[in-house]
N, C-alpha and C. Protein backbone atom coordinates (compact mmCIF):
# COMPACT_ATOMS: atom_id res chain seq x y z
N MET A 1 0.95 -1.48 0.17
CA MET A 1 -0.40 0.05 0.30
C MET A 1 0.92 1.59 -0.10
N VAL A 2 0.88 2.13 -1.02
CA VAL A 2 1.35 3.61 -0.87
C VAL A 2 0.18 4.60 -0.51
N ARG A 3 0.77 5.71 0.29
CA ARG A 3 -0.28 6.68 1.08
C ARG A 3 -0.24 8.26 0.72
N GLY A 4 -0.76 8.51 0.36
CA GLY A 4 -0.44 10.06 -0.24
C GLY A 4 -1.38 10.73 0.59
N ARG A 5 -1.10 11.98 1.15
CA ARG A 5 -1.68 12.98 2.12
C ARG A 5 -1.46 14.45 1.88
N TYR A 6 -2.12 14.91 1.17
CA TYR A 6 -2.46 16.72 0.88
C TYR A 6 -2.79 17.74 1.85
N HIS A 7 -2.46 18.20 2.24
CA HIS A 7 -2.72 18.84 3.11
C HIS A 7 -3.25 20.79 1.93
N MET A 8 -4.77 21.12 1.64
CA MET A 8 -4.85 21.56 0.52
C MET A 8 -4.80 23.19 0.91
N THR A 9 -6.02 22.93 1.90
CA THR A 9 -6.10 23.76 3.05
C THR A 9 -6.05 24.30 4.23
N ARG A 10 -6.46 25.13 4.56
CA ARG A 10 -6.46 24.85 6.44
C ARG A 10 -6.92 23.80 6.80
N HIS A 11 -8.24 23.77 5.89
CA HIS A 11 -9.14 22.88 6.83
C HIS A 11 -9.26 21.84 5.90
N TRP A 12 -8.59 21.94 4.92
CA TRP A 12 -9.11 20.48 3.64
C TRP A 12 -7.49 19.49 3.82
N ASP A 13 -8.40 18.23 3.94
CA ASP A 13 -7.22 17.76 3.27
C ASP A 13 -7.57 16.50 2.16
N GLY A 14 -6.83 16.01 1.50
CA GLY A 14 -7.10 14.99 0.49
C GLY A 14 -6.49 13.98 0.60
N LEU A 15 -6.80 12.52 0.43
CA LEU A 15 -6.24 11.33 0.29
C LEU A 15 -6.17 10.91 -1.29
N LEU A 16 -4.67 9.72 -1.44
CA LEU A 16 -4.83 8.94 -2.64
C LEU A 16 -4.15 7.97 -2.05
N GLU A 17 -4.84 6.60 -2.57
CA GLU A 17 -3.85 5.80 -2.08
C GLU A 17 -4.03 4.65 -2.75
N TYR A 18 -2.89 3.57 -2.99
CA TYR A 18 -2.33 2.89 -3.90
C TYR A 18 -2.70 1.34 -3.42
N ARG A 19 -3.49 0.78 -3.38
CA ARG A 19 -3.26 -1.18 -2.81
C ARG A 19 -3.37 -2.19 -3.84
N TRP A 20 -2.60 -3.14 -3.38
CA TRP A 20 -1.97 -3.93 -4.03
C TRP A 20 -2.14 -5.64 -3.13
N LEU A 21 -2.78 -6.49 -3.17
CA LEU A 21 -3.07 -7.49 -2.39
C LEU A 21 -2.13 -8.93 -3.34
N TYR A 22 -1.49 -9.42 -2.84
CA TYR A 22 -1.05 -10.78 -3.28
C TYR A 22 -1.11 -11.75 -2.43
N MET A 23 -1.53 -12.76 -3.27
CA MET A 23 -1.50 -14.19 -2.70
C MET A 23 -0.79 -15.53 -3.01
N ASP A 24 -0.13 -15.61 -2.11
CA ASP A 24 0.30 -17.12 -2.39
C ASP A 24 -0.40 -18.27 -2.53
N GLU A 25 -0.93 -18.26 -1.49
CA GLU A 25 -2.01 -19.36 -1.49
C GLU A 25 -2.49 -19.96 -2.80
N THR A 26 -2.52 -19.38 -3.57
CA THR A 26 -4.05 -19.00 -5.02
C THR A 26 -2.73 -18.37 -5.79
N ASP A 27 -1.84 -17.76 -5.78
CA ASP A 27 -1.13 -17.11 -6.75
C ASP A 27 -2.10 -16.13 -7.41
N ASP A 28 -2.41 -15.21 -6.53
CA ASP A 28 -3.92 -14.24 -7.37
C ASP A 28 -3.52 -13.15 -6.90
N SER A 29 -3.70 -12.28 -7.57
CA SER A 29 -3.33 -10.59 -6.88
C SER A 29 -4.27 -9.71 -7.63
N ARG A 30 -4.37 -8.92 -6.97
CA ARG A 30 -5.59 -7.56 -6.64
C ARG A 30 -5.08 -6.50 -6.90
N GLN A 31 -5.29 -5.77 -7.25
CA GLN A 31 -5.34 -3.46 -7.33
C GLN A 31 -5.84 -3.06 -7.20
N GLY A 32 -6.38 -1.68 -6.45
CA GLY A 32 -6.72 -0.46 -6.69
C GLY A 32 -6.85 0.66 -6.57
N ALA A 33 -7.27 1.34 -6.02
CA ALA A 33 -7.14 2.79 -5.80
C ALA A 33 -8.26 3.35 -4.48
N LEU A 34 -7.76 4.10 -3.24
CA LEU A 34 -8.74 4.45 -2.82
C LEU A 34 -8.66 6.27 -2.91
N VAL A 35 -9.40 7.26 -2.99
CA VAL A 35 -9.49 8.77 -2.58
C VAL A 35 -10.49 9.05 -1.41
N GLY A 36 -9.80 10.04 -1.07
CA GLY A 36 -11.17 10.00 -0.26
C GLY A 36 -10.26 12.11 0.52
N ILE A 37 -11.80 13.11 0.91
CA ILE A 37 -11.66 14.06 1.25
C ILE A 37 -11.64 14.21 3.03
N ASP A 38 -11.25 15.19 3.64
CA ASP A 38 -10.94 15.52 5.60
C ASP A 38 -11.30 16.59 5.40
N ARG A 39 -12.06 16.87 6.42
CA ARG A 39 -12.42 18.26 6.95
C ARG A 39 -11.74 18.36 8.51
N HIS A 40 -10.79 19.54 8.44
CA HIS A 40 -10.59 19.34 10.15
C HIS A 40 -10.90 20.19 10.92
N ILE A 41 -11.97 19.72 11.80
CA ILE A 41 -13.18 20.19 13.00
C ILE A 41 -12.88 21.17 13.80
N ASN A 42 -10.98 20.55 13.97
CA ASN A 42 -10.05 21.17 15.34
C ASN A 42 -8.74 20.34 15.22
N ASP A 43 -7.98 21.38 16.27
CA ASP A 43 -6.65 20.85 16.03
C ASP A 43 -6.85 18.82 16.16
N ASN A 44 -7.44 18.43 17.04
CA ASN A 44 -7.68 17.19 17.64
C ASN A 44 -8.68 15.93 16.50
N VAL A 45 -9.46 16.65 15.98
CA VAL A 45 -10.70 15.75 15.23
C VAL A 45 -11.05 15.91 13.49
N ARG A 46 -10.25 15.11 13.00
CA ARG A 46 -10.75 15.13 11.57
C ARG A 46 -11.96 14.45 10.71
N VAL A 47 -12.91 15.20 9.99
CA VAL A 47 -14.03 13.65 9.51
C VAL A 47 -13.87 13.91 8.04
N GLY A 48 -14.54 12.62 7.30
CA GLY A 48 -13.77 12.60 5.61
C GLY A 48 -15.00 11.84 5.63
N VAL A 49 -14.90 11.66 3.87
CA VAL A 49 -15.68 11.34 3.12
C VAL A 49 -15.05 10.20 1.82
N GLY A 50 -14.95 9.26 1.46
CA GLY A 50 -13.85 8.69 0.12
C GLY A 50 -15.01 7.60 -0.42
N TYR A 51 -13.88 7.18 -1.34
CA TYR A 51 -14.56 6.39 -2.50
C TYR A 51 -13.74 5.15 -2.45
N ASN A 52 -13.64 3.69 -2.53
CA ASN A 52 -12.96 2.59 -2.58
C ASN A 52 -13.06 1.75 -3.50
N PHE A 53 -11.97 1.81 -4.32
CA PHE A 53 -12.28 1.48 -5.95
C PHE A 53 -11.60 -0.20 -5.84
N THR A 54 -11.09 -0.31 -5.04
CA THR A 54 -10.44 -1.76 -4.81
C THR A 54 -11.68 -2.80 -3.99
N ASP A 55 -11.86 -3.81 -4.57
CA ASP A 55 -13.18 -4.65 -4.10
C ASP A 55 -12.45 -5.49 -2.67
N PHE A 56 -11.47 -5.48 -2.20
CA PHE A 56 -11.00 -5.99 -1.08
C PHE A 56 -10.21 -5.47 0.31
N SER A 57 -10.45 -5.74 1.28
CA SER A 57 -10.49 -5.28 2.61
C SER A 57 -9.33 -5.05 3.07
N ASP A 58 -9.08 -4.06 3.96
CA ASP A 58 -7.78 -4.24 5.06
C ASP A 58 -8.06 -5.59 5.73
N ASP A 59 -9.10 -5.62 5.87
CA ASP A 59 -9.23 -7.18 6.69
C ASP A 59 -8.70 -8.48 5.91
N LEU A 60 -7.70 -9.33 5.93
CA LEU A 60 -7.30 -9.82 5.26
C LEU A 60 -7.56 -11.04 5.51
N GLY A 61 -8.72 -11.52 6.67
CA GLY A 61 -9.60 -13.02 6.33
C GLY A 61 -10.80 -12.70 5.58
N ASP A 62 -11.01 -11.52 5.17
CA ASP A 62 -12.32 -11.62 4.19
C ASP A 62 -12.06 -11.39 2.67
N LEU A 63 -12.12 -12.25 2.07
CA LEU A 63 -11.83 -13.16 0.83
C LEU A 63 -13.52 -12.74 -0.10
N ASP A 64 -14.33 -12.30 0.59
CA ASP A 64 -15.38 -12.47 -0.10
C ASP A 64 -15.25 -10.94 -1.59
N TYR A 65 -14.40 -10.16 -1.72
CA TYR A 65 -14.15 -9.36 -2.83
C TYR A 65 -15.13 -8.35 -2.91
N GLN A 66 -15.88 -8.36 -1.65
CA GLN A 66 -17.48 -6.87 -2.02
C GLN A 66 -17.00 -5.92 -0.98
N ASN A 67 -15.95 -5.41 -1.45
CA ASN A 67 -15.23 -4.55 -0.18
C ASN A 67 -15.76 -3.01 -0.79
N SER A 68 -16.09 -2.61 -2.35
CA SER A 68 -15.87 -1.65 -2.73
C SER A 68 -17.11 -0.55 -2.26
N GLY A 69 -16.63 0.96 -2.70
CA GLY A 69 -17.46 1.86 -2.17
C GLY A 69 -17.63 2.85 -1.55
N TRP A 70 -18.57 3.37 -1.26
CA TRP A 70 -18.60 4.84 -0.16
C TRP A 70 -18.02 4.06 1.52
N PHE A 71 -16.99 5.00 2.24
CA PHE A 71 -16.81 5.32 3.23
C PHE A 71 -16.88 6.57 4.25
N ILE A 72 -17.18 6.44 5.91
CA ILE A 72 -17.05 7.52 6.55
C ILE A 72 -15.48 7.18 7.28
N ASN A 73 -14.61 8.42 6.98
CA ASN A 73 -13.66 8.56 8.13
C ASN A 73 -13.66 9.04 9.35
N ILE A 74 -13.33 8.81 10.50
CA ILE A 74 -13.18 9.84 11.86
C ILE A 74 -11.74 9.62 12.55
N VAL A 75 -11.11 10.66 12.36
CA VAL A 75 -10.10 10.56 13.87
C VAL A 75 -10.25 11.27 14.45
N ARG A 76 -9.82 10.44 15.75
CA ARG A 76 -9.50 11.76 16.59
C ARG A 76 -8.25 11.73 17.46
N LYS A 77 -7.37 12.72 17.24
CA LYS A 77 -6.05 12.42 18.32
C LYS A 77 -6.01 12.75 19.53
N ILE A 78 -5.56 12.11 20.18
CA ILE A 78 -5.63 12.00 21.77
C ILE A 78 -3.89 12.59 22.38
N GLN A 79 -3.70 13.27 22.91
CA GLN A 79 -2.88 13.91 23.19
C GLN A 79 -2.33 13.54 24.76
N ALA A 80 -1.57 12.96 24.52
CA ALA A 80 -0.86 12.68 26.22
C ALA A 80 -0.51 13.70 27.87
N VAL A 81 -1.43 13.26 29.00
CA VAL A 81 -0.73 14.50 29.67
C VAL A 81 0.45 14.15 30.76
N SER A 82 1.15 15.17 30.79
CA SER A 82 2.17 15.12 31.50
C SER A 82 1.99 15.14 32.51
N GLY A 83 3.17 14.69 33.41
CA GLY A 83 2.96 15.39 34.77
C GLY A 83 2.48 13.98 36.19
N LEU A 84 1.74 13.16 35.63
CA LEU A 84 0.61 12.49 36.00
C LEU A 84 2.07 11.14 36.69
């Protein structure tokens, strides 16, 4: 997997990801792309939407190859508290 994130403006990021899956057991490979856009709500929360053009999942045990489509991405950063 190769992932690129581009900070477009103060509040918006773009995401482009290339995915490649190869399985030794079946000598099969699959590849595709994923795109997304994220909005920074504040310094610690980012919400986004995107589309997965591949038909496989990050869950390597899920081999039904029906995983393309829209997704929602929510990221929260937790800051460490020092002095405890």
